[in-house]
Amino acid sequence: ETSTVPYLGIGYTGLAGAGRFGFSADLGLLARSPSQAVRLGRMLGGTQNLDDAVRDLRLAPVLQLGVSYAF
């Protein structure tokens, strides 16, 4: 069985040096367990407000950097 992990991020990819070198970066937030996203949906349907629901989530920061070279 596969599961999805909630993730929200923004990224950039660019080329430099006559198009041979590339750079990429991605910065975002990852929910530590998929069940938390389901719980968030249930909370929003109940009496808990959005601020309290977001505080209950366990979020982890994500930073990915990459360098590439084409030959």
C-alpha atoms as a PDB file:
ATOM      1  CA  GLU A   1       0.000   0.000   0.000  1.00  0.00           C
ATOM      2  CA  THR A   2       1.341   3.431  -0.889  1.00  0.00           C
ATOM      3  CA  SER A   3       0.709   6.616   1.019  1.00  0.00           C
ATOM      4  CA  THR A   4       1.089  10.257   0.150  1.00  0.00           C
ATOM      5  CA  VAL A   5       2.892  12.763   2.318  1.00  0.00           C
ATOM      6  CA  PRO A   6       1.493  16.302   2.425  1.00  0.00           C
ATOM      7  CA  TYR A   7       4.109  18.790   1.186  1.00  0.00           C
ATOM      8  CA  LEU A   8       3.992  22.471   0.294  1.00  0.00           C
ATOM      9  CA  GLY A   9       7.028  24.090  -1.305  1.00  0.00           C
ATOM     10  CA  ILE A  10       8.508  26.388  -3.870  1.00  0.00           C
ATOM     11  CA  GLY A  11      11.443  25.670  -6.153  1.00  0.00           C
ATOM     12  CA  TYR A  12      13.813  27.154  -8.702  1.00  0.00           C
ATOM     13  CA  THR A  13      15.881  25.636 -11.500  1.00  0.00           C
ATOM     14  CA  GLY A  14      18.285  27.616 -13.653  1.00  0.00           C
ATOM     15  CA  LEU A  15      21.184  27.188 -16.065  1.00  0.00           C
ATOM     16  CA  ALA A  16      24.511  29.004 -15.964  1.00  0.00           C
ATOM     17  CA  GLY A  17      27.814  28.879 -17.820  1.00  0.00           C
ATOM     18  CA  ALA A  18      26.695  28.494 -21.447  1.00  0.00           C
ATOM     19  CA  GLY A  19      23.935  26.117 -20.400  1.00  0.00           C
ATOM     20  CA  ARG A  20      26.259  23.367 -19.139  1.00  0.00           C
ATOM     21  CA  PHE A  21      25.877  23.918 -15.395  1.00  0.00           C
ATOM     22  CA  GLY A  22      22.542  23.924 -13.653  1.00  0.00           C
ATOM     23  CA  PHE A  23      21.380  24.810 -10.172  1.00  0.00           C
ATOM     24  CA  SER A  24      18.168  23.880  -8.380  1.00  0.00           C
ATOM     25  CA  ALA A  25      16.704  24.727  -4.996  1.00  0.00           C
ATOM     26  CA  ASP A  26      13.518  23.709  -3.237  1.00  0.00           C
ATOM     27  CA  LEU A  27      12.200  25.059   0.072  1.00  0.00           C
ATOM     28  CA  GLY A  28       9.054  23.808   1.765  1.00  0.00           C
ATOM     29  CA  LEU A  29       7.190  22.202   4.657  1.00  0.00           C
ATOM     30  CA  LEU A  30       6.453  18.508   5.078  1.00  0.00           C
ATOM     31  CA  ALA A  31       3.812  16.974   7.368  1.00  0.00           C
ATOM     32  CA  ARG A  32       5.597  14.294   9.386  1.00  0.00           C
ATOM     33  CA  SER A  33       2.809  11.739   9.048  1.00  0.00           C
ATOM     34  CA  PRO A  34       0.055  11.348   6.434  1.00  0.00           C
ATOM     35  CA  SER A  35      -2.518  10.683   9.170  1.00  0.00           C
ATOM     36  CA  GLN A  36      -2.096  14.277  10.336  1.00  0.00           C
ATOM     37  CA  ALA A  37      -3.525  15.572   7.068  1.00  0.00           C
ATOM     38  CA  VAL A  38      -6.595  13.380   7.514  1.00  0.00           C
ATOM     39  CA  ARG A  39      -6.909  14.586  11.105  1.00  0.00           C
ATOM     40  CA  LEU A  40      -6.672  18.208   9.898  1.00  0.00           C
ATOM     41  CA  GLY A  41      -9.596  17.616   7.545  1.00  0.00           C
ATOM     42  CA  ARG A  42     -11.675  16.171  10.377  1.00  0.00           C
ATOM     43  CA  MET A  43     -10.805  19.051  12.712  1.00  0.00           C
ATOM     44  CA  LEU A  44     -11.841  21.655  10.175  1.00  0.00           C
ATOM     45  CA  GLY A  45     -15.200  19.951   9.825  1.00  0.00           C
ATOM     46  CA  GLY A  46     -15.682  19.987  13.605  1.00  0.00           C
ATOM     47  CA  THR A  47     -15.517  22.723  16.201  1.00  0.00           C
ATOM     48  CA  GLN A  48     -11.743  23.335  16.145  1.00  0.00           C
ATOM     49  CA  ASN A  49     -10.716  26.461  14.233  1.00  0.00           C
ATOM     50  CA  LEU A  50      -7.975  26.592  11.579  1.00  0.00           C
ATOM     51  CA  ASP A  51      -5.360  28.223  13.846  1.00  0.00           C
ATOM     52  CA  ASP A  52      -5.648  25.452  16.440  1.00  0.00           C
ATOM     53  CA  ALA A  53      -5.604  22.740  13.772  1.00  0.00           C
ATOM     54  CA  VAL A  54      -2.407  24.100  12.182  1.00  0.00           C
ATOM     55  CA  ARG A  55      -0.708  24.347  15.600  1.00  0.00           C
ATOM     56  CA  ASP A  56      -1.481  20.652  16.202  1.00  0.00           C
ATOM     57  CA  LEU A  57       0.319  19.577  13.006  1.00  0.00           C
ATOM     58  CA  ARG A  58       3.934  18.449  13.215  1.00  0.00           C
ATOM     59  CA  LEU A  59       5.668  20.140  10.280  1.00  0.00           C
ATOM     60  CA  ALA A  60       9.278  19.661   9.202  1.00  0.00           C
ATOM     61  CA  PRO A  61      11.217  22.132   7.059  1.00  0.00           C
ATOM     62  CA  VAL A  62      12.702  20.848   3.795  1.00  0.00           C
ATOM     63  CA  LEU A  63      15.644  22.372   1.910  1.00  0.00           C
ATOM     64  CA  GLN A  64      17.005  20.671  -1.188  1.00  0.00           C
ATOM     65  CA  LEU A  65      19.891  22.022  -3.256  1.00  0.00           C
ATOM     66  CA  GLY A  66      21.213  20.538  -6.476  1.00  0.00           C
ATOM     67  CA  VAL A  67      23.952  21.120  -9.011  1.00  0.00           C
ATOM     68  CA  SER A  68      24.102  19.503 -12.456  1.00  0.00           C
ATOM     69  CA  TYR A  69      26.480  19.427 -15.396  1.00  0.00           C
ATOM     70  CA  ALA A  70      25.607  18.470 -18.949  1.00  0.00           C
ATOM     71  CA  PHE A  71      28.313  17.226 -21.326  1.00  0.00           C
END
